Amino acid sequence: MHKIQSAQADVAYFSMEIAVEPAIPTYSGGLGILAGDFLRSAADQEISMVGVTLLHRRGYFRQRLDDDGRQIEEPENWNVLAHLEDTHQYAHVDIRGHPVTLAAWKYEIESRNHFKVPVYFLDTLLPHNEPWTQTLTDNLYGGDSLYRLCQEVVLGIGGVRMLRSLGYRDIGRFHMNEGHSSLLVLELLDEQARAASRGSVTHEDVEQIRRQCIFTTHTSVESGHDKFPLEMVDAVINRSELYSMKEIFCCEGLLNMTFLGFNLSHFINGVAKRHGEISHQIFPRYPIESITNGVHAHTWTAAPFQELFDQFIPGWREDNFSLRSALKIPTRLIWKAHQQAKLALIKTLRYRGKVGLNEDVFTIGFARRATAYKRAHLLFQDLGRLQAIASEQGSLQLLFAGKAHPQDWAGKEIIQNIFQLNEKLPSEIHLVYLENYDFDLAKLLTSGVDLWLNTPQPPLEASGTSGMKAAFNGVPSLSVLDGWWLEGHIEGITGWAIASENEGDVKKDAHSLYRQLQENILPLFYFQREQYAEIMRHCIALNGSFFNSQRMLQQYIAKAYYQ
């Protein structure tokens, strides 16, 4: 073991998934991408922060679609040694009465000014661990509830112990990015009790730890809150507090990770204004604020737009708010940069075997996790209406992507149904379902399509960030008024709304979607190109300048980290 040196961090950021770079597939989607963007902004702003996550040697999964559109999951194996540094430091946890040793691998997120934010990936694949524990950090969101709970012990309890082993003694704030890491509060409570020379936790300890913790919730969907039976929890970690302090640890006879994180945090927030309100309705006992998500401007802005911004808005990377000055960029240059980004998308898809895309044809992008409430099928509710719109206004190219969780059979069926629709569509409509939506494909899609479509069932969209990525590249959104779009939408200026009533009436929502395409969007694109480019310009100036992770981090600093 290497000699432990003192390390410093004001904030420790815990997340089950963190997307640090495309070659390290330790993320499934929006939560991990958001975590990576957050830490990239911390490096940009030289914030003393450290990230903690799990290694996920087999990733989430690589998605392959067979000839019938059935999703096939394959391991996303990657070369750990090629990308991460072995710290040679170890920590230990007990799981189900068995000792488990953890290793830590380090990745450093480095800013343009060479400030570094370390991210530690916890790993149980060590020869002296029992075989069943060696696989605990292999798969992101894999296995059953027991596997998930064991993973959360590694992340939460093991993560705090690993930070101490690495020399981080005086961390000011512990930020839990969702409930997967909530068990970290148990280790902090134990530290507090030991410091007071006590063998058990008291309510005074709870108050002390609450001042150190922050919790961000990312979901309005019931299944998004991890819950475990007390019998399982007792067998895995054997904590007497589950019974002696039930009002803090338990909810309706279960260990609810969101409930636990809320109870031990001094600041709780949702990820959009509306989501904060909905979360407070779900958990009325708690004061829940909101900090709307944002994305990392430099990461998600395509090269043609970066060059354009460098020319007209020098310093935009350091001050994302200065993108409001995009209104002075000539629309012809906005359109030229967009066509370059669109051509890059088309060439890449052609290389992947998705031929036949035309840069002059209106192209809609939709890429979300394939699950029922995301309603990927909404565009296809009335194929006759869709065909009539394409025949009347102009051809359509539809690019869909997204994975279904391996146990989400309804989500898999959605993918298969959309995949097979191409056989039923007329020649004016070209539909492609793209395999294995990932970091790289997200960059191409959000910059290369002409319109970003989002159709969740309200009020279940917590925030959504894909439309924010599109905005940096001048791509307007057509979206249900939920999540971030309630704040970013100005009708006909930054994009268009799908009018949604009665918590998402499918027929009415589809009618609104078709009406927007037929009456407003396609006529502009095909017949009033200058006006369409004007909307693109406003996307950058109004949405890009605000919905970025630079502003998001600054709000966490002001509201949570140093309060």
Protein backbone atom coordinates (compact mmCIF):
# COMPACT_ATOMS: atom_id res chain seq x y z
CA MET A 1 0.00 0.00 0.00
CA HIS A 2 1.28 3.46 -0.91
CA LYS A 3 1.88 6.03 1.78
CA ILE A 4 -1.26 8.06 2.44
CA GLN A 5 -0.89 11.77 1.79
CA SER A 6 -3.25 14.48 2.92
CA ALA A 7 -5.76 15.49 0.27
CA GLN A 8 -8.21 18.36 0.16
CA ALA A 9 -11.73 18.73 -1.19
CA ASP A 10 -14.49 21.08 -0.19
CA VAL A 11 -17.12 18.85 -1.81
CA ALA A 12 -17.34 15.09 -2.37
CA TYR A 13 -19.78 14.27 -5.19
CA PHE A 14 -21.22 10.74 -5.12
CA SER A 15 -23.00 9.26 -8.13
CA MET A 16 -23.69 5.68 -9.20
CA GLU A 17 -22.73 6.69 -12.75
CA ILE A 18 -20.38 9.35 -14.08
CA ALA A 19 -19.62 9.85 -17.77
CA VAL A 20 -16.07 11.20 -17.80
CA GLU A 21 -15.30 10.39 -21.45
CA PRO A 22 -16.76 8.32 -24.32
CA ALA A 23 -14.18 5.51 -23.97
CA ILE A 24 -15.22 4.83 -20.36
CA PRO A 25 -18.83 3.51 -20.56
CA THR A 26 -19.67 3.79 -16.84
CA TYR A 27 -23.00 5.50 -17.45
CA SER A 28 -26.44 4.60 -18.79
CA GLY A 29 -27.81 7.99 -19.81
CA GLY A 30 -28.82 11.38 -18.52
CA LEU A 31 -27.85 10.95 -14.84
CA GLY A 32 -24.29 9.92 -15.67
CA ILE A 33 -23.87 12.50 -18.41
CA LEU A 34 -25.14 15.20 -16.03
CA ALA A 35 -22.66 14.06 -13.36
CA GLY A 36 -19.79 14.26 -15.82
CA ASP A 37 -20.83 17.72 -17.01
CA PHE A 38 -21.11 18.87 -13.40
CA LEU A 39 -17.55 17.78 -12.60
CA ARG A 40 -16.24 19.25 -15.85
CA SER A 41 -17.66 22.59 -14.78
CA ALA A 42 -16.10 22.17 -11.33
CA ALA A 43 -12.72 21.80 -13.04
CA ASP A 44 -13.43 24.85 -15.22
CA GLN A 45 -14.31 26.96 -12.18
CA GLU A 46 -11.48 25.51 -10.08
CA ILE A 47 -13.78 24.21 -7.36
CA SER A 48 -12.17 21.92 -4.79
CA MET A 49 -14.21 18.80 -5.51
CA VAL A 50 -13.78 15.04 -5.78
CA GLY A 51 -16.07 12.53 -7.50
CA VAL A 52 -16.87 9.00 -6.29
CA THR A 53 -18.51 6.27 -8.37
CA LEU A 54 -18.25 2.55 -9.22
CA LEU A 55 -16.00 1.03 -11.87
CA HIS A 56 -18.58 -0.94 -13.90
CA ARG A 57 -16.08 -3.07 -15.82
CA ARG A 58 -18.89 -4.40 -18.01
CA GLY A 59 -20.52 -1.00 -18.39
CA TYR A 60 -24.29 -0.69 -18.61
CA PHE A 61 -24.59 -2.74 -21.78
CA ARG A 62 -23.96 -2.48 -25.50
CA GLN A 63 -27.25 -2.46 -27.37
CA ARG A 64 -27.63 -4.44 -30.57
CA LEU A 65 -30.87 -4.69 -32.55
CA ASP A 66 -31.55 -7.82 -34.58
CA ASP A 67 -33.32 -7.87 -37.93
CA ASP A 68 -36.71 -7.65 -36.19
CA GLY A 69 -35.69 -4.79 -33.92
CA ARG A 70 -35.34 -6.89 -30.78
CA GLN A 71 -32.87 -5.43 -28.30
CA ILE A 72 -29.94 -7.69 -27.47
CA GLU A 73 -27.75 -6.72 -24.52
CA GLU A 74 -24.02 -7.38 -24.69
CA PRO A 75 -21.28 -6.51 -22.15
CA GLU A 76 -19.60 -3.17 -22.75
CA ASN A 77 -16.12 -4.30 -21.82
CA TRP A 78 -13.38 -1.69 -21.77
CA ASN A 79 -9.69 -1.42 -20.92
CA VAL A 80 -9.41 -0.09 -17.37
CA LEU A 81 -5.60 0.14 -17.40
CA ALA A 82 -5.64 2.24 -20.56
CA HIS A 83 -7.78 4.97 -19.00
CA LEU A 84 -7.48 4.93 -15.21
CA GLU A 85 -4.67 5.09 -12.68
CA ASP A 86 -4.47 2.53 -9.88
CA THR A 87 -4.23 4.45 -6.60
CA HIS A 88 -2.99 1.37 -4.68
CA GLN A 89 -5.21 2.43 -1.81
CA TYR A 90 -7.86 0.18 -0.29
CA ALA A 91 -10.90 0.32 1.93
CA HIS A 92 -13.04 -2.36 3.53
CA VAL A 93 -16.75 -2.94 4.08
CA ASP A 94 -18.79 -5.79 5.50
CA ILE A 95 -21.56 -7.12 3.28
CA ARG A 96 -23.82 -9.95 4.44
CA GLY A 97 -21.30 -10.67 7.19
CA HIS A 98 -18.39 -11.04 4.76
CA PRO A 99 -15.39 -8.69 4.55
CA VAL A 100 -15.04 -7.02 1.14
CA THR A 101 -11.96 -5.11 0.07
CA LEU A 102 -12.30 -2.17 -2.30
CA ALA A 103 -9.70 -0.75 -4.64
CA ALA A 104 -9.82 2.74 -6.19
CA TRP A 105 -8.91 3.83 -9.70
CA LYS A 106 -8.40 7.50 -10.47
CA TYR A 107 -9.39 9.62 -13.43
CA GLU A 108 -8.61 13.33 -13.52
CA ILE A 109 -10.95 15.75 -15.27
CA GLU A 110 -8.70 18.57 -16.41
CA SER A 111 -9.84 22.03 -17.44
CA ARG A 112 -8.38 24.16 -20.21
CA ASN A 113 -6.42 25.94 -17.46
CA HIS A 114 -5.11 22.56 -16.20
CA PHE A 115 -7.08 22.53 -12.94
CA LYS A 116 -7.91 18.93 -12.06
CA VAL A 117 -10.90 17.30 -10.38
CA PRO A 118 -10.20 13.66 -9.45
CA VAL A 119 -12.86 10.99 -9.88
CA TYR A 120 -12.41 7.70 -7.99
CA PHE A 121 -13.88 4.49 -9.38
CA LEU A 122 -14.44 1.83 -6.71
CA ASP A 123 -13.64 -1.77 -7.66
CA THR A 124 -14.25 -5.11 -5.90
CA LEU A 125 -12.48 -7.33 -8.46
CA LEU A 126 -9.65 -8.33 -6.12
CA PRO A 127 -8.28 -11.89 -5.82
CA HIS A 128 -8.77 -12.21 -2.07
CA ASN A 129 -12.45 -11.20 -2.23
CA GLU A 130 -14.97 -14.02 -2.40
CA PRO A 131 -16.12 -14.76 -5.97
CA TRP A 132 -19.63 -13.36 -5.46
CA THR A 133 -18.27 -10.07 -4.15
CA GLN A 134 -15.73 -9.68 -6.97
CA THR A 135 -18.58 -8.95 -9.40
CA LEU A 136 -20.37 -6.32 -7.29
CA THR A 137 -18.98 -3.40 -9.27
CA ASP A 138 -19.20 -5.05 -12.70
CA ASN A 139 -22.59 -3.97 -14.02
CA LEU A 140 -24.37 -0.65 -13.81
CA TYR A 141 -27.99 -1.28 -12.72
CA GLY A 142 -27.54 -5.01 -13.25
CA GLY A 143 -28.77 -7.91 -11.17
CA ASP A 144 -31.60 -8.02 -8.65
CA SER A 145 -32.48 -5.91 -5.60
CA LEU A 146 -29.92 -7.67 -3.44
CA TYR A 147 -27.17 -6.96 -5.96
CA ARG A 148 -28.25 -3.32 -6.11
CA LEU A 149 -28.25 -2.94 -2.33
CA CYS A 150 -24.76 -4.47 -2.09
CA GLN A 151 -23.58 -2.03 -4.76
CA GLU A 152 -25.02 0.86 -2.79
CA VAL A 153 -23.13 -0.29 0.31
CA VAL A 154 -19.93 -0.19 -1.74
CA LEU A 155 -20.71 3.26 -3.15
CA GLY A 156 -21.99 4.94 -0.01
CA ILE A 157 -20.21 3.38 2.96
CA GLY A 158 -17.23 2.18 0.95
CA GLY A 159 -16.92 5.51 -0.84
CA VAL A 160 -16.52 7.49 2.38
CA ARG A 161 -14.02 4.98 3.74
CA MET A 162 -12.04 5.11 0.51
CA LEU A 163 -11.87 8.90 0.63
CA ARG A 164 -10.46 8.65 4.14
CA SER A 165 -7.95 6.05 2.96
CA LEU A 166 -6.92 8.41 0.17
CA GLY A 167 -6.26 11.16 2.70
CA TYR A 168 -9.42 13.27 2.42
CA ARG A 169 -10.01 14.18 6.06
CA ASP A 170 -11.77 17.54 6.00
CA ILE A 171 -14.47 17.36 3.34
CA GLY A 172 -16.98 20.12 3.94
CA ARG A 173 -19.97 18.81 1.99
CA PHE A 174 -21.13 15.41 0.76
CA HIS A 175 -23.37 15.70 -2.30
CA MET A 176 -25.56 12.68 -3.06
CA ASN A 177 -26.56 12.66 -6.71
CA GLU A 178 -29.71 10.55 -6.30
CA GLY A 179 -30.41 7.97 -3.60
CA HIS A 180 -27.95 5.31 -4.76
CA SER A 181 -25.28 6.79 -2.47
CA SER A 182 -27.48 7.57 0.54
CA LEU A 183 -25.83 4.95 2.75
CA LEU A 184 -22.85 7.28 3.00
CA VAL A 185 -24.73 8.99 5.83
CA LEU A 186 -24.36 5.83 7.95
CA GLU A 187 -20.59 6.02 7.71
CA LEU A 188 -20.63 9.73 8.53
CA LEU A 189 -22.83 9.01 11.55
CA ASP A 190 -20.42 6.32 12.72
CA GLU A 191 -17.51 8.72 12.34
CA GLN A 192 -19.37 11.29 14.41
CA ALA A 193 -20.12 8.74 17.14
CA ARG A 194 -16.51 7.54 17.22
CA ALA A 195 -15.25 11.12 17.49
CA ALA A 196 -17.43 11.47 20.61
CA SER A 197 -16.15 8.13 21.97
CA ARG A 198 -19.57 6.56 21.71
CA GLY A 199 -20.52 3.15 20.36
CA SER A 200 -23.94 4.16 19.09
CA VAL A 201 -25.51 6.93 17.03
CA THR A 202 -27.64 9.65 18.62
CA HIS A 203 -30.03 12.28 17.31
CA GLU A 204 -27.30 14.86 17.97
CA ASP A 205 -25.13 13.01 15.47
CA VAL A 206 -27.95 13.21 12.96
CA GLU A 207 -28.08 17.00 13.30
CA GLN A 208 -24.33 17.28 12.85
CA ILE A 209 -24.29 15.13 9.72
CA ARG A 210 -27.32 16.87 8.23
CA ARG A 211 -25.29 20.08 8.03
CA GLN A 212 -22.72 18.31 5.86
CA CYS A 213 -25.04 16.68 3.29
CA ILE A 214 -26.82 17.70 0.11
CA PHE A 215 -29.27 15.58 -1.86
CA THR A 216 -30.38 15.97 -5.48
CA THR A 217 -33.36 13.97 -6.66
CA HIS A 218 -33.73 13.36 -10.40
CA THR A 219 -37.02 11.55 -10.77
CA SER A 220 -40.75 11.95 -10.39
CA VAL A 221 -41.33 8.28 -11.22
CA GLU A 222 -42.08 5.97 -8.29
CA SER A 223 -39.76 3.21 -9.55
CA GLY A 224 -36.89 5.70 -9.59
CA HIS A 225 -36.69 5.69 -5.78
CA ASP A 226 -34.73 2.69 -4.51
CA LYS A 227 -36.50 0.78 -1.73
CA PHE A 228 -35.38 -2.33 0.12
CA PRO A 229 -37.14 -4.61 2.64
CA LEU A 230 -35.78 -4.23 6.15
CA GLU A 231 -35.04 -7.96 6.36
CA MET A 232 -32.74 -7.66 3.33
CA VAL A 233 -31.07 -4.53 4.67
CA ASP A 234 -30.57 -6.15 8.07
CA ALA A 235 -28.93 -9.16 6.44
CA VAL A 236 -26.65 -7.00 4.30
CA ILE A 237 -25.46 -4.36 6.79
CA ASN A 238 -27.00 -5.28 10.19
CA ARG A 239 -27.72 -1.81 11.57
CA SER A 240 -29.63 -1.53 14.82
CA GLU A 241 -30.65 2.06 13.93
CA LEU A 242 -33.08 0.69 11.37
CA TYR A 243 -35.26 -0.23 14.32
CA SER A 244 -34.22 2.18 17.09
CA MET A 245 -34.46 5.28 14.84
CA LYS A 246 -37.11 4.20 12.36
CA GLU A 247 -38.42 7.72 11.86
CA ILE A 248 -35.09 8.61 10.20
CA PHE A 249 -34.22 5.43 8.34
CA CYS A 250 -37.49 3.83 7.33
CA CYS A 251 -40.55 4.72 5.31
CA GLU A 252 -43.62 2.45 5.20
CA GLY A 253 -41.61 -0.48 6.51
CA LEU A 254 -38.88 -0.14 3.88
CA LEU A 255 -35.46 1.46 3.67
CA ASN A 256 -36.22 4.17 1.11
CA MET A 257 -32.94 5.64 -0.14
CA THR A 258 -34.54 8.93 -1.14
CA PHE A 259 -36.21 9.23 2.27
CA LEU A 260 -32.89 8.45 3.99
CA GLY A 261 -31.01 11.04 1.94
CA PHE A 262 -33.69 13.66 2.59
CA ASN A 263 -33.61 13.06 6.33
CA LEU A 264 -29.86 13.52 6.54
CA SER A 265 -29.47 16.54 4.25
CA HIS A 266 -29.67 20.25 4.97
CA PHE A 267 -30.32 21.08 1.31
CA ILE A 268 -32.57 19.10 -1.04
CA ASN A 269 -33.33 20.01 -4.60
CA GLY A 270 -35.13 18.91 -7.71
CA VAL A 271 -33.60 19.43 -11.14
CA ALA A 272 -36.09 21.90 -12.62
CA LYS A 273 -38.55 24.36 -11.10
CA ARG A 274 -41.55 22.16 -11.88
CA HIS A 275 -39.71 19.07 -10.64
CA GLY A 276 -39.00 20.75 -7.32
CA GLU A 277 -42.72 21.42 -6.95
CA ILE A 278 -43.68 17.85 -7.87
CA SER A 279 -41.07 16.43 -5.51
CA HIS A 280 -42.49 18.50 -2.67
CA GLN A 281 -45.94 17.10 -3.45
CA ILE A 282 -44.54 13.56 -3.28
CA PHE A 283 -42.55 14.31 -0.08
CA PRO A 284 -44.56 17.12 1.58
CA ARG A 285 -42.60 16.96 4.83
CA TYR A 286 -39.46 18.33 3.23
CA PRO A 287 -38.45 21.78 1.98
CA ILE A 288 -37.37 20.98 -1.57
CA GLU A 289 -35.76 23.67 -3.67
CA SER A 290 -34.87 23.53 -7.34
CA ILE A 291 -31.71 23.99 -9.36
CA THR A 292 -32.43 23.41 -13.01
CA ASN A 293 -29.97 21.14 -14.77
CA GLY A 294 -27.52 22.35 -17.37
CA VAL A 295 -24.99 20.82 -19.75
CA HIS A 296 -21.31 21.50 -20.34
CA ALA A 297 -21.10 24.04 -23.13
CA HIS A 298 -17.70 23.14 -24.52
CA THR A 299 -18.41 19.40 -24.50
CA TRP A 300 -21.73 19.58 -26.34
CA THR A 301 -21.12 22.35 -28.84
CA ALA A 302 -20.15 20.95 -32.26
CA ALA A 303 -16.91 22.12 -33.88
CA PRO A 304 -18.57 24.40 -36.50
CA PHE A 305 -20.41 26.29 -33.76
CA GLN A 306 -17.36 26.46 -31.52
CA GLU A 307 -15.50 28.15 -34.37
CA LEU A 308 -18.42 30.51 -34.91
CA PHE A 309 -18.61 31.41 -31.23
CA ASP A 310 -14.84 31.93 -31.08
CA GLN A 311 -15.19 34.45 -33.89
CA PHE A 312 -18.14 36.43 -32.54
CA ILE A 313 -18.19 35.70 -28.76
CA PRO A 314 -14.59 35.29 -27.53
CA GLY A 315 -14.51 33.96 -23.97
CA TRP A 316 -17.81 32.06 -24.26
CA ARG A 317 -16.29 28.94 -22.71
CA GLU A 318 -15.26 30.87 -19.60
CA ASP A 319 -18.53 32.84 -19.44
CA ASN A 320 -21.39 30.82 -20.89
CA PHE A 321 -23.81 33.67 -20.19
CA SER A 322 -22.06 35.66 -22.92
CA LEU A 323 -23.73 33.35 -25.45
CA ARG A 324 -26.67 35.75 -25.24
CA SER A 325 -24.59 37.75 -27.73
CA ALA A 326 -25.26 35.06 -30.33
CA LEU A 327 -28.05 37.38 -31.49
CA LYS A 328 -25.39 39.40 -33.31
CA ILE A 329 -24.21 36.40 -35.37
CA PRO A 330 -25.61 36.59 -38.94
CA THR A 331 -28.27 33.96 -39.53
CA ARG A 332 -26.56 32.83 -42.74
CA LEU A 333 -23.53 31.81 -40.65
CA ILE A 334 -25.76 30.06 -38.12
CA TRP A 335 -27.27 28.08 -40.99
CA LYS A 336 -23.88 27.32 -42.52
CA ALA A 337 -22.54 25.95 -39.22
CA HIS A 338 -25.70 23.89 -38.79
CA GLN A 339 -25.36 22.36 -42.25
CA GLN A 340 -21.77 21.41 -41.45
CA ALA A 341 -22.90 19.69 -38.25
CA LYS A 342 -25.73 17.96 -40.11
CA LEU A 343 -23.38 16.71 -42.80
CA ALA A 344 -21.03 15.31 -40.11
CA LEU A 345 -23.98 13.36 -38.68
CA ILE A 346 -25.03 12.04 -42.08
CA LYS A 347 -21.49 10.98 -43.00
CA THR A 348 -21.04 9.15 -39.70
CA LEU A 349 -24.35 7.32 -40.07
CA ARG A 350 -23.48 6.43 -43.66
CA TYR A 351 -20.20 4.96 -42.41
CA ARG A 352 -22.21 2.91 -39.90
CA GLY A 353 -24.38 1.57 -42.71
CA LYS A 354 -27.37 3.90 -42.28
CA VAL A 355 -27.42 5.14 -45.86
CA GLY A 356 -29.94 7.26 -47.70
CA LEU A 357 -30.06 10.37 -45.50
CA ASN A 358 -30.28 13.68 -47.31
CA GLU A 359 -28.90 16.92 -45.88
CA ASP A 360 -31.71 18.95 -47.48
CA VAL A 361 -34.51 16.92 -45.86
CA PHE A 362 -36.03 18.03 -42.56
CA THR A 363 -34.60 15.74 -39.86
CA ILE A 364 -36.14 15.12 -36.43
CA GLY A 365 -34.11 13.64 -33.59
CA PHE A 366 -35.50 11.71 -30.64
CA ALA A 367 -33.17 9.93 -28.20
CA ARG A 368 -34.37 8.94 -24.75
CA ARG A 369 -34.35 5.88 -22.56
CA ALA A 370 -36.95 3.56 -24.05
CA THR A 371 -39.64 3.35 -21.39
CA ALA A 372 -43.37 3.90 -21.40
CA TYR A 373 -43.60 7.42 -19.90
CA LYS A 374 -41.11 8.85 -22.42
CA ARG A 375 -43.75 8.07 -25.10
CA ALA A 376 -41.43 7.58 -28.08
CA HIS A 377 -44.44 6.31 -30.01
CA LEU A 378 -46.37 9.61 -29.85
CA LEU A 379 -45.19 10.77 -33.28
CA PHE A 380 -46.64 7.60 -34.81
CA GLN A 381 -50.15 7.71 -33.33
CA ASP A 382 -51.72 8.53 -36.70
CA LEU A 383 -49.54 7.36 -39.57
CA GLY A 384 -52.04 8.64 -42.11
CA ARG A 385 -51.82 12.15 -40.66
CA LEU A 386 -48.03 11.98 -40.58
CA GLN A 387 -47.94 10.87 -44.22
CA ALA A 388 -50.28 13.67 -45.25
CA ILE A 389 -48.04 16.23 -43.53
CA ALA A 390 -44.95 14.90 -45.30
CA SER A 391 -46.72 14.87 -48.67
CA GLU A 392 -48.04 18.40 -48.23
CA GLN A 393 -45.10 20.18 -46.58
CA GLY A 394 -41.97 18.16 -47.41
CA SER A 395 -40.18 14.92 -46.71
CA LEU A 396 -39.15 13.82 -43.21
CA GLN A 397 -36.15 11.96 -41.82
CA LEU A 398 -36.72 10.53 -38.34
CA LEU A 399 -33.73 9.46 -36.25
CA PHE A 400 -34.64 7.59 -33.07
CA ALA A 401 -32.32 6.10 -30.47
CA GLY A 402 -32.33 4.89 -26.88
CA LYS A 403 -31.86 1.79 -24.78
CA ALA A 404 -34.45 -0.05 -22.72
CA HIS A 405 -33.44 -1.38 -19.32
CA PRO A 406 -32.84 -5.15 -19.64
CA GLN A 407 -35.87 -5.85 -17.41
CA ASP A 408 -38.14 -3.27 -19.07
CA TRP A 409 -40.05 -5.51 -21.47
CA ALA A 410 -42.49 -2.76 -22.39
CA GLY A 411 -39.57 -0.53 -23.29
CA LYS A 412 -38.09 -3.22 -25.49
CA GLU A 413 -41.43 -3.59 -27.24
CA ILE A 414 -41.50 0.16 -27.92
CA ILE A 415 -38.11 -0.11 -29.66
CA GLN A 416 -39.22 -3.09 -31.73
CA ASN A 417 -42.47 -1.43 -32.77
CA ILE A 418 -40.71 1.74 -33.91
CA PHE A 419 -37.98 -0.25 -35.66
CA GLN A 420 -40.58 -2.15 -37.67
CA LEU A 421 -42.57 0.93 -38.62
CA ASN A 422 -40.22 1.74 -41.47
CA GLU A 423 -41.88 -0.98 -43.54
CA LYS A 424 -45.24 0.83 -43.21
CA LEU A 425 -44.05 4.35 -43.94
CA PRO A 426 -44.27 6.00 -47.39
CA SER A 427 -41.21 7.08 -49.34
CA GLU A 428 -41.57 10.67 -48.06
CA ILE A 429 -40.70 9.47 -44.53
CA HIS A 430 -37.41 7.76 -43.72
CA LEU A 431 -37.19 6.29 -40.21
CA VAL A 432 -34.00 4.90 -38.63
CA TYR A 433 -33.67 3.46 -35.13
CA LEU A 434 -29.99 3.85 -34.23
CA GLU A 435 -28.29 1.22 -32.10
CA ASN A 436 -26.37 1.81 -28.88
CA TYR A 437 -27.08 5.45 -28.10
CA ASP A 438 -23.99 6.72 -26.27
CA PHE A 439 -21.87 9.79 -25.57
CA ASP A 440 -20.49 10.10 -29.12
CA LEU A 441 -23.81 9.49 -30.85
CA ALA A 442 -25.50 12.02 -28.55
CA LYS A 443 -23.03 14.70 -29.64
CA LEU A 444 -23.72 13.97 -33.31
CA LEU A 445 -27.51 13.79 -32.99
CA THR A 446 -28.08 16.84 -30.82
CA SER A 447 -25.99 18.98 -33.17
CA GLY A 448 -26.94 17.46 -36.53
CA VAL A 449 -30.73 17.21 -36.60
CA ASP A 450 -33.05 20.10 -37.51
CA LEU A 451 -35.50 19.63 -34.63
CA TRP A 452 -35.26 17.96 -31.24
CA LEU A 453 -38.42 16.09 -30.22
CA ASN A 454 -39.36 15.27 -26.63
CA THR A 455 -42.73 13.75 -25.72
CA PRO A 456 -42.84 12.66 -22.04
CA GLN A 457 -46.05 12.12 -20.12
CA PRO A 458 -46.37 15.11 -17.80
CA PRO A 459 -45.55 15.63 -15.00
CA LEU A 460 -43.04 12.76 -15.06
CA GLU A 461 -40.19 14.54 -16.83
CA ALA A 462 -37.85 15.66 -14.06
CA SER A 463 -35.67 17.85 -16.25
CA GLY A 464 -34.29 16.41 -19.47
CA THR A 465 -30.97 17.64 -20.82
CA SER A 466 -30.81 16.44 -24.44
CA GLY A 467 -32.75 19.49 -25.64
CA MET A 468 -30.25 21.70 -23.83
CA LYS A 469 -27.41 20.09 -25.78
CA ALA A 470 -29.34 20.74 -28.98
CA ALA A 471 -29.79 24.41 -28.07
CA PHE A 472 -26.03 25.04 -28.01
CA ASN A 473 -26.04 23.97 -31.65
CA GLY A 474 -29.01 26.09 -32.64
CA VAL A 475 -31.40 23.12 -32.81
CA PRO A 476 -34.87 24.12 -31.57
CA SER A 477 -37.10 21.82 -29.55
CA LEU A 478 -40.64 20.59 -30.04
CA SER A 479 -41.53 19.34 -26.60
CA VAL A 480 -44.21 18.76 -24.02
CA LEU A 481 -44.25 21.57 -21.47
CA ASP A 482 -42.63 19.66 -18.64
CA GLY A 483 -39.18 19.56 -17.04
CA TRP A 484 -36.73 22.19 -18.26
CA TRP A 485 -38.82 23.10 -21.30
CA LEU A 486 -41.31 24.92 -19.09
CA GLU A 487 -38.46 27.36 -18.39
CA GLY A 488 -36.74 27.35 -21.79
CA HIS A 489 -39.77 27.52 -24.07
CA ILE A 490 -40.82 30.72 -25.80
CA GLU A 491 -43.30 29.82 -28.49
CA GLY A 492 -41.95 30.42 -31.95
CA ILE A 493 -38.78 31.96 -30.53
CA THR A 494 -36.80 29.07 -28.99
CA GLY A 495 -39.01 26.31 -30.33
CA TRP A 496 -42.55 25.01 -29.97
CA ALA A 497 -44.72 23.38 -27.32
CA ILE A 498 -46.83 20.27 -27.56
CA ALA A 499 -50.01 21.27 -25.75
CA SER A 500 -50.64 18.58 -23.15
CA GLU A 501 -53.70 18.38 -20.94
CA ASN A 502 -55.09 15.88 -18.45
CA GLU A 503 -51.58 14.61 -17.61
CA GLY A 504 -50.84 13.52 -21.14
CA ASP A 505 -53.87 12.56 -23.24
CA VAL A 506 -52.15 10.64 -26.06
CA LYS A 507 -54.60 11.55 -28.82
CA LYS A 508 -54.72 15.24 -27.93
CA ASP A 509 -50.96 15.44 -27.52
CA ALA A 510 -50.40 13.74 -30.87
CA HIS A 511 -52.85 16.15 -32.52
CA SER A 512 -50.91 19.10 -31.10
CA LEU A 513 -47.62 17.62 -32.30
CA TYR A 514 -48.96 17.15 -35.84
CA ARG A 515 -50.45 20.63 -35.88
CA GLN A 516 -47.13 22.20 -34.92
CA LEU A 517 -45.28 20.30 -37.64
CA GLN A 518 -47.89 21.06 -40.29
CA GLU A 519 -48.71 24.69 -39.55
CA ASN A 520 -45.55 26.13 -38.05
CA ILE A 521 -42.36 24.10 -38.22
CA LEU A 522 -42.20 22.54 -41.68
CA PRO A 523 -43.43 25.67 -43.52
CA LEU A 524 -40.64 27.65 -41.87
CA PHE A 525 -37.95 25.11 -42.62
CA TYR A 526 -38.88 24.52 -46.25
CA PHE A 527 -40.23 27.92 -47.30
CA GLN A 528 -38.97 30.56 -44.81
CA ARG A 529 -35.43 29.43 -44.09
CA GLU A 530 -34.29 32.82 -42.79
CA GLN A 531 -36.98 32.78 -40.11
CA TYR A 532 -36.09 29.23 -39.13
CA ALA A 533 -32.45 30.30 -38.72
CA GLU A 534 -33.64 33.18 -36.55
CA ILE A 535 -35.23 30.67 -34.16
CA MET A 536 -31.98 28.71 -34.17
CA ARG A 537 -30.11 31.87 -33.20
CA HIS A 538 -32.48 32.49 -30.29
CA CYS A 539 -31.98 28.90 -29.07
CA ILE A 540 -28.32 29.65 -28.56
CA ALA A 541 -28.77 33.14 -27.12
CA LEU A 542 -31.65 32.42 -24.73
CA ASN A 543 -31.31 28.73 -23.86
CA GLY A 544 -27.62 28.06 -24.37
CA SER A 545 -26.67 31.04 -22.24
CA PHE A 546 -28.70 29.76 -19.26
CA PHE A 547 -29.14 25.98 -19.41
CA ASN A 548 -25.49 25.18 -18.88
CA SER A 549 -23.62 23.40 -16.10
CA GLN A 550 -21.58 26.51 -15.35
CA ARG A 551 -24.70 28.32 -14.13
CA MET A 552 -25.95 25.13 -12.44
CA LEU A 553 -22.76 24.71 -10.41
CA GLN A 554 -22.76 28.38 -9.42
CA GLN A 555 -26.25 27.91 -7.98
CA TYR A 556 -25.12 24.88 -5.96
CA ILE A 557 -22.21 26.94 -4.65
CA ALA A 558 -24.48 29.83 -3.65
CA LYS A 559 -27.34 27.77 -2.21
CA ALA A 560 -25.79 24.60 -0.81
CA TYR A 561 -22.03 24.16 -0.71
CA TYR A 562 -20.90 27.13 1.32
CA GLN A 563 -24.01 27.79 3.40
